Protein backbone atom coordinates (compact mmCIF):
# COMPACT_ATOMS: atom_id res chain seq x y z
CA UNK A 1 -1.82 50.39 -12.54
CA UNK A 2 -4.66 49.99 -14.34
CA UNK A 3 -8.17 51.38 -13.27
CA UNK A 4 -10.64 48.68 -13.53
CA UNK A 5 -14.18 47.86 -12.69
CA UNK A 6 -15.19 44.53 -12.16
CA UNK A 7 -19.30 44.18 -12.18
CA UNK A 8 -20.76 41.85 -9.79
CA UNK A 9 -17.76 42.07 -7.87
CA UNK A 10 -18.90 40.94 -4.53
CA UNK A 11 -19.91 37.38 -6.21
CA UNK A 12 -18.34 34.41 -6.04
CA UNK A 13 -16.24 34.85 -9.70
CA UNK A 14 -16.24 38.79 -8.92
CA UNK A 15 -14.49 38.65 -5.82
CA UNK A 16 -11.68 36.21 -6.59
CA UNK A 17 -11.24 38.24 -9.43
CA UNK A 18 -11.00 41.91 -7.59
CA UNK A 19 -8.26 40.31 -5.34
CA UNK A 20 -5.87 39.18 -8.47
CA UNK A 21 -6.23 42.74 -9.99
CA UNK A 22 -5.20 44.12 -6.38
CA UNK A 23 -2.18 41.57 -6.26
CA UNK A 24 -1.03 43.20 -9.04
CA UNK A 25 -1.64 46.51 -8.65
CA UNK A 26 -4.74 47.33 -10.06
CA UNK A 27 -7.36 50.07 -8.93
CA UNK A 28 -10.41 48.79 -8.10
CA UNK A 29 -14.34 49.45 -8.84
CA UNK A 30 -17.03 47.04 -7.98
CA UNK A 31 -20.24 47.54 -9.32
CA UNK A 32 -22.58 45.33 -7.31
CA UNK A 33 -26.36 45.58 -5.92
CA UNK A 34 -25.58 42.65 -3.48
CA UNK A 35 -28.59 40.63 -4.51
CA UNK A 36 -26.41 37.56 -4.40
CA UNK A 37 -23.05 39.27 -3.72
CA UNK A 38 -22.15 39.78 -0.27
CA UNK A 39 -20.14 42.69 1.25
CA UNK A 40 -18.06 40.25 3.37
CA UNK A 41 -16.33 39.05 0.30
CA UNK A 42 -15.32 42.66 -0.59
CA UNK A 43 -13.74 42.79 3.34
CA UNK A 44 -12.34 39.61 2.72
CA UNK A 45 -10.00 41.11 0.44
CA UNK A 46 -8.45 43.07 3.02
CA UNK A 47 -7.93 46.27 0.85
CA UNK A 48 -9.68 49.64 -0.13
CA UNK A 49 -12.07 48.49 -3.45
CA UNK A 50 -13.73 51.67 -4.38
CA UNK A 51 -17.70 50.40 -3.93
CA UNK A 52 -20.50 51.27 -6.51
CA UNK A 53 -23.82 50.05 -5.42
CA UNK A 54 -26.75 49.30 -8.34
CA UNK A 55 -28.21 47.42 -10.75
CA UNK A 56 -26.96 46.33 -13.98
CA UNK A 57 -30.52 46.89 -15.37
CA UNK A 58 -29.91 51.16 -14.65
CA UNK A 59 -28.22 52.52 -17.69
CA UNK A 60 -27.53 55.34 -15.52
CA UNK A 61 -25.49 53.37 -12.45
CA UNK A 62 -24.02 51.23 -15.05
CA UNK A 63 -22.38 54.56 -16.71
CA UNK A 64 -21.74 55.72 -12.81
CA UNK A 65 -19.41 52.76 -12.56
CA UNK A 66 -18.04 52.63 -16.28
CA UNK A 67 -16.50 56.09 -16.11
CA UNK A 68 -12.76 56.36 -15.89
CA UNK A 69 -12.02 52.85 -16.14
CA UNK A 70 -9.66 51.29 -18.53
CA UNK A 71 -11.05 47.78 -18.55
CA UNK A 72 -14.47 46.18 -17.30
CA UNK A 73 -14.42 42.48 -16.15
CA UNK A 74 -17.77 42.09 -17.12
CA UNK A 75 -18.40 39.53 -14.14
CA UNK A 76 -22.13 40.88 -13.10
CA UNK A 77 -25.43 38.18 -13.85
CA UNK A 78 -28.21 36.59 -12.46
CA UNK A 79 -26.91 33.22 -11.93
CA UNK A 80 -28.16 29.20 -12.33
CA UNK A 81 -30.31 27.49 -14.39
CA UNK A 82 -32.71 26.74 -12.00
CA UNK A 83 -33.01 29.91 -11.20
CA UNK A 84 -34.01 30.65 -15.13
CA UNK A 85 -36.05 27.85 -14.99
CA UNK A 86 -38.42 28.97 -12.47
CA UNK A 87 -38.39 32.65 -13.33
CA UNK A 88 -36.80 33.31 -17.08
CA UNK A 89 -37.71 37.26 -16.76
CA UNK A 90 -35.33 38.45 -14.16
CA UNK A 91 -32.43 36.68 -15.22
CA UNK A 92 -32.66 37.51 -18.22
CA UNK A 93 -33.11 40.88 -18.38
CA UNK A 94 -30.37 41.53 -15.82
CA UNK A 95 -27.73 38.94 -18.14
CA UNK A 96 -29.00 40.86 -21.37
CA UNK A 97 -30.05 43.43 -20.39
CA UNK A 98 -27.41 44.70 -18.06
CA UNK A 99 -24.76 43.19 -20.40
CA UNK A 100 -26.09 46.19 -23.11
CA UNK A 101 -26.11 48.58 -20.59
CA UNK A 102 -22.41 47.75 -20.03
CA UNK A 103 -21.63 47.94 -23.61
CA UNK A 104 -23.28 51.47 -24.03
CA UNK A 105 -21.46 52.97 -21.46
CA UNK A 106 -18.09 51.42 -22.26
CA UNK A 107 -18.77 52.69 -25.81
CA UNK A 108 -20.10 56.04 -25.01
CA UNK A 109 -17.06 56.39 -22.18
CA UNK A 110 -14.58 54.98 -24.72
CA UNK A 111 -13.56 52.05 -22.92
CA UNK A 112 -10.51 50.23 -24.04
CA UNK A 113 -12.17 46.45 -23.54
CA UNK A 114 -14.82 44.40 -22.05
CA UNK A 115 -13.91 41.18 -20.68
CA UNK A 116 -17.49 39.12 -20.64
CA UNK A 117 -18.32 36.05 -18.40
CA UNK A 118 -20.20 34.01 -20.62
CA UNK A 119 -21.38 30.31 -19.76
CA UNK A 120 -21.01 26.58 -21.32
CA UNK A 121 -24.57 26.64 -21.03
CA UNK A 122 -24.88 28.25 -24.87
CA UNK A 123 -23.91 24.85 -25.91
CA UNK A 124 -26.97 23.10 -24.33
CA UNK A 125 -26.78 18.90 -25.14
CA UNK A 126 -24.62 18.75 -27.83
CA UNK A 127 -23.33 15.26 -29.35
CA UNK A 128 -20.05 15.57 -30.10
CA UNK A 129 -16.95 16.33 -27.50
CA UNK A 130 -14.85 17.73 -26.17
CA UNK A 131 -16.76 21.00 -27.02
CA UNK A 132 -14.97 24.25 -29.04
CA UNK A 133 -15.96 27.62 -29.59
CA UNK A 134 -17.14 26.69 -33.35
CA UNK A 135 -19.87 24.22 -32.78
CA UNK A 136 -23.34 25.80 -33.17
CA UNK A 137 -24.88 26.66 -30.02
CA UNK A 138 -27.69 25.25 -28.78
CA UNK A 139 -28.80 26.11 -25.05
CA UNK A 140 -31.77 24.58 -24.09
CA UNK A 141 -32.26 26.75 -20.66
CA UNK A 142 -33.24 30.38 -20.33
CA UNK A 143 -29.73 31.06 -18.77
CA UNK A 144 -28.33 29.51 -21.79
CA UNK A 145 -30.33 31.68 -24.00
CA UNK A 146 -29.51 34.90 -22.37
CA UNK A 147 -25.98 34.56 -22.09
CA UNK A 148 -25.87 33.70 -25.52
CA UNK A 149 -27.72 36.64 -26.39
CA UNK A 150 -25.39 39.03 -23.93
CA UNK A 151 -22.59 37.27 -25.83
CA UNK A 152 -23.88 38.43 -29.49
CA UNK A 153 -24.06 41.89 -28.24
CA UNK A 154 -20.86 41.84 -26.92
CA UNK A 155 -19.55 40.53 -30.63
CA UNK A 156 -21.41 42.83 -32.56
CA UNK A 157 -20.66 45.76 -30.46
CA UNK A 158 -16.98 45.36 -31.61
CA UNK A 159 -17.29 44.76 -35.17
CA UNK A 160 -20.48 48.07 -35.34
CA UNK A 161 -18.44 50.47 -32.92
CA UNK A 162 -15.33 49.34 -32.67
CA UNK A 163 -14.85 48.48 -28.82
CA UNK A 164 -12.85 45.58 -28.03
CA UNK A 165 -14.74 43.04 -26.43
CA UNK A 166 -14.04 39.17 -25.39
CA UNK A 167 -15.67 36.53 -24.06
CA UNK A 168 -15.31 34.09 -21.73
CA UNK A 169 -16.98 30.37 -21.65
CA UNK A 170 -16.63 29.56 -18.19
CA UNK A 171 -17.32 26.10 -17.45
CA UNK A 172 -18.78 25.15 -13.91
CA UNK A 173 -16.27 26.71 -12.01
CA UNK A 174 -16.22 26.20 -7.96
CA UNK A 175 -13.83 27.61 -5.14
CA UNK A 176 -13.32 30.03 -2.42
CA UNK A 177 -16.60 32.24 -1.77
CA UNK A 178 -19.29 30.21 -3.22
CA UNK A 179 -21.88 30.10 -1.10
CA UNK A 180 -23.32 26.89 0.18
CA UNK A 181 -25.95 27.66 1.68
CA UNK A 182 -28.05 29.83 -1.26
CA UNK A 183 -31.04 28.62 -2.58
CA UNK A 184 -29.17 27.73 -5.76
CA UNK A 185 -26.25 26.80 -4.10
CA UNK A 186 -23.91 24.82 -6.46
CA UNK A 187 -22.73 21.28 -6.30
CA UNK A 188 -19.95 21.63 -5.19
CA UNK A 189 -20.22 23.31 -2.32
CA UNK A 190 -23.26 22.48 -1.30
CA UNK A 191 -21.57 18.61 -1.17
CA UNK A 192 -18.87 19.73 1.09
CA UNK A 193 -21.34 21.15 3.50
CA UNK A 194 -23.44 18.43 3.80
CA UNK A 195 -21.00 15.56 4.09
CA UNK A 196 -18.82 17.43 6.01
CA UNK A 197 -21.88 17.13 8.76
CA UNK A 198 -22.70 14.11 8.17
CA UNK A 199 -25.75 14.92 6.45
CA UNK A 200 -27.67 12.80 2.87
CA UNK A 201 -26.67 14.27 0.08
CA UNK A 202 -29.47 14.53 -2.94
CA UNK A 203 -27.78 13.58 -6.63
CA UNK A 204 -29.97 14.66 -9.52
CA UNK A 205 -31.02 12.06 -11.71
CA UNK A 206 -28.62 9.01 -11.70
CA UNK A 207 -25.89 10.81 -10.78
CA UNK A 208 -24.00 9.74 -14.53
CA UNK A 209 -23.97 13.60 -15.97
CA UNK A 210 -20.45 14.59 -16.23
CA UNK A 211 -19.18 18.24 -16.24
CA UNK A 212 -15.82 20.04 -16.72
CA UNK A 213 -15.42 21.11 -13.20
CA UNK A 214 -13.00 24.11 -13.16
CA UNK A 215 -11.27 26.05 -10.14
CA UNK A 216 -12.07 29.82 -9.84
CA UNK A 217 -8.19 30.67 -10.01
CA UNK A 218 -7.64 29.20 -13.70
CA UNK A 219 -10.38 31.29 -14.38
CA UNK A 220 -9.35 34.43 -12.40
CA UNK A 221 -6.04 33.79 -15.11
CA UNK A 222 -8.30 33.37 -18.07
CA UNK A 223 -9.58 37.11 -17.41
CA UNK A 224 -5.88 38.75 -16.77
CA UNK A 225 -4.90 37.07 -20.00
CA UNK A 226 -7.84 37.90 -22.00
CA UNK A 227 -7.69 41.57 -20.87
CA UNK A 228 -4.32 42.16 -22.74
CA UNK A 229 -4.37 39.99 -25.54
CA UNK A 230 -4.41 41.51 -28.81
CA UNK A 231 -5.55 38.13 -30.44
CA UNK A 232 -9.02 37.92 -28.85
CA UNK A 233 -10.67 41.52 -29.62
CA UNK A 234 -14.06 40.03 -30.92
CA UNK A 235 -13.24 36.53 -29.75
CA UNK A 236 -15.50 34.06 -27.88
CA UNK A 237 -13.40 31.52 -25.44
CA UNK A 238 -13.30 28.53 -23.42
CA UNK A 239 -12.13 28.35 -19.93
CA UNK A 240 -11.91 24.98 -18.33
CA UNK A 241 -10.06 22.19 -17.29
CA UNK A 242 -10.57 20.37 -20.38
CA UNK A 243 -11.83 17.44 -18.50
CA UNK A 244 -15.12 15.32 -17.69
CA UNK A 245 -16.27 13.76 -13.75
CA UNK A 246 -19.29 12.08 -13.11
CA UNK A 247 -21.31 13.64 -10.36
CA UNK A 248 -21.12 10.44 -9.01
CA UNK A 249 -17.30 10.25 -8.57
CA UNK A 250 -17.41 13.65 -7.21
CA UNK A 251 -19.01 12.74 -4.53
CA UNK A 252 -16.63 9.97 -4.04
CA UNK A 253 -13.61 12.06 -4.10
CA UNK A 254 -15.06 14.81 -1.70
CA UNK A 255 -16.06 12.14 1.08
CA UNK A 256 -12.41 11.10 0.44
CA UNK A 257 -11.02 14.14 0.54
CA UNK A 258 -13.20 14.93 4.04
CA UNK A 259 -12.74 11.18 5.14
CA UNK A 260 -16.22 11.18 5.74
CA UNK A 261 -18.95 8.42 4.44
CA UNK A 262 -21.46 9.62 1.49
CA UNK A 263 -24.51 9.16 2.07
CA UNK A 264 -26.81 9.71 -0.67
CA UNK A 265 -29.93 9.50 -2.21
CA UNK A 266 -31.24 10.53 -5.86
CA UNK A 267 -33.77 13.17 -7.03
CA UNK A 268 -35.23 13.86 -10.48
CA UNK A 269 -33.27 14.81 -13.51
CA UNK A 270 -33.27 18.81 -13.15
CA UNK A 271 -35.01 20.92 -15.62
CA UNK A 272 -32.30 22.56 -18.34
CA UNK A 273 -29.65 20.63 -17.11
CA UNK A 274 -27.05 19.82 -19.50
CA UNK A 275 -26.19 16.04 -19.87
CA UNK A 276 -22.16 16.24 -20.91
CA UNK A 277 -19.90 19.06 -20.90
CA UNK A 278 -16.48 18.26 -21.12
CA UNK A 279 -14.30 21.59 -23.03
CA UNK A 280 -11.84 21.91 -26.04
CA UNK A 281 -9.45 24.87 -24.49
CA UNK A 282 -7.44 24.78 -27.85
CA UNK A 283 -8.43 28.35 -28.57
CA UNK A 284 -8.05 30.21 -25.59
CA UNK A 285 -4.54 28.28 -25.18
CA UNK A 286 -3.62 29.63 -28.54
CA UNK A 287 -5.16 33.17 -28.77
CA UNK A 288 -4.33 34.30 -24.50
CA UNK A 289 -2.00 31.43 -23.86
CA UNK A 290 -4.67 30.23 -21.10
CA UNK A 291 -3.48 26.92 -19.34
CA UNK A 292 -5.14 25.44 -16.34
CA UNK A 293 -2.68 25.23 -13.46
CA UNK A 294 -4.89 24.22 -10.63
CA UNK A 295 -6.32 20.81 -11.30
CA UNK A 296 -10.01 19.11 -9.80
CA UNK A 297 -8.66 17.30 -6.78
CA UNK A 298 -6.58 20.45 -5.60
CA UNK A 299 -9.13 22.68 -6.38
CA UNK A 300 -11.67 20.62 -4.38
CA UNK A 301 -8.78 20.21 -1.54
CA UNK A 302 -8.08 24.35 -1.58
CA UNK A 303 -12.54 25.29 -1.60
CA UNK A 304 -12.97 22.86 1.01
CA UNK A 305 -10.46 24.12 3.49
CA UNK A 306 -11.81 27.40 2.73
CA UNK A 307 -15.32 26.63 3.48
CA UNK A 308 -14.34 24.56 6.78
CA UNK A 309 -12.09 27.78 7.58
CA UNK A 310 -14.95 29.89 6.83
CA UNK A 311 -17.40 27.70 9.23
CA UNK A 312 -15.45 28.10 12.62
């Protein structure tokens, strides 16, 4: 049993990760300011979790949360490309300064390892697919730029201070506890809620943009593996399904699983959105033994079940 910290542990991915850590017997502490995370996500775990309430931008609160743990799973962030386009300043402060505070506190407290949640948005619109870690990043959104900066801080802290860091580039994660009602809700929970309710979904652009949609259980397992794999130290690794699906096809699949007609309109393209995203997960397979075990359709079915259960 280990004592671990999950920053952003009341959020979508963080709470799923906290649940897996509890299941394996770890002593879990969560740091969250509940700006986007939910206390209900922690209640849903059904077990005691130590909560440190605070903002990543406060070194004092971060240091308090880090003290006495062995591994930090740094999931805390202010996500969403559209949010970063509307307000580049706040997400950048949280995602860069906040990560730097986590790294400094971990260095000062002698923490064994940090596993950092990065993003496929660091790649931007590049020509060659699938995307591999040896390709030069070219982020086109403020969010992607901030995640890349945080990533590089992780690598630099490993080289300069000897801190064990691993950065995982997540690709379009979806699953239970993802909020469909948020202004910046991801496409899958938004589509599920709207199609199930008989409403009209809005598809950005022509809908032929394709993403590597990745079920959250796969991401959680990658974190657990990355926390212990010796070869992962100092590395940046893709975490994804290694496939691709257009937004149009995704909507039709959700409609079929719900047994509902899909009524849609097309809206403008989103500024900063990446047109095509498909990951090469060879490095994660080789370095940490990662294999995605839950496919897109199975993940969609599980997500639908969870969202509909929450709505009743």
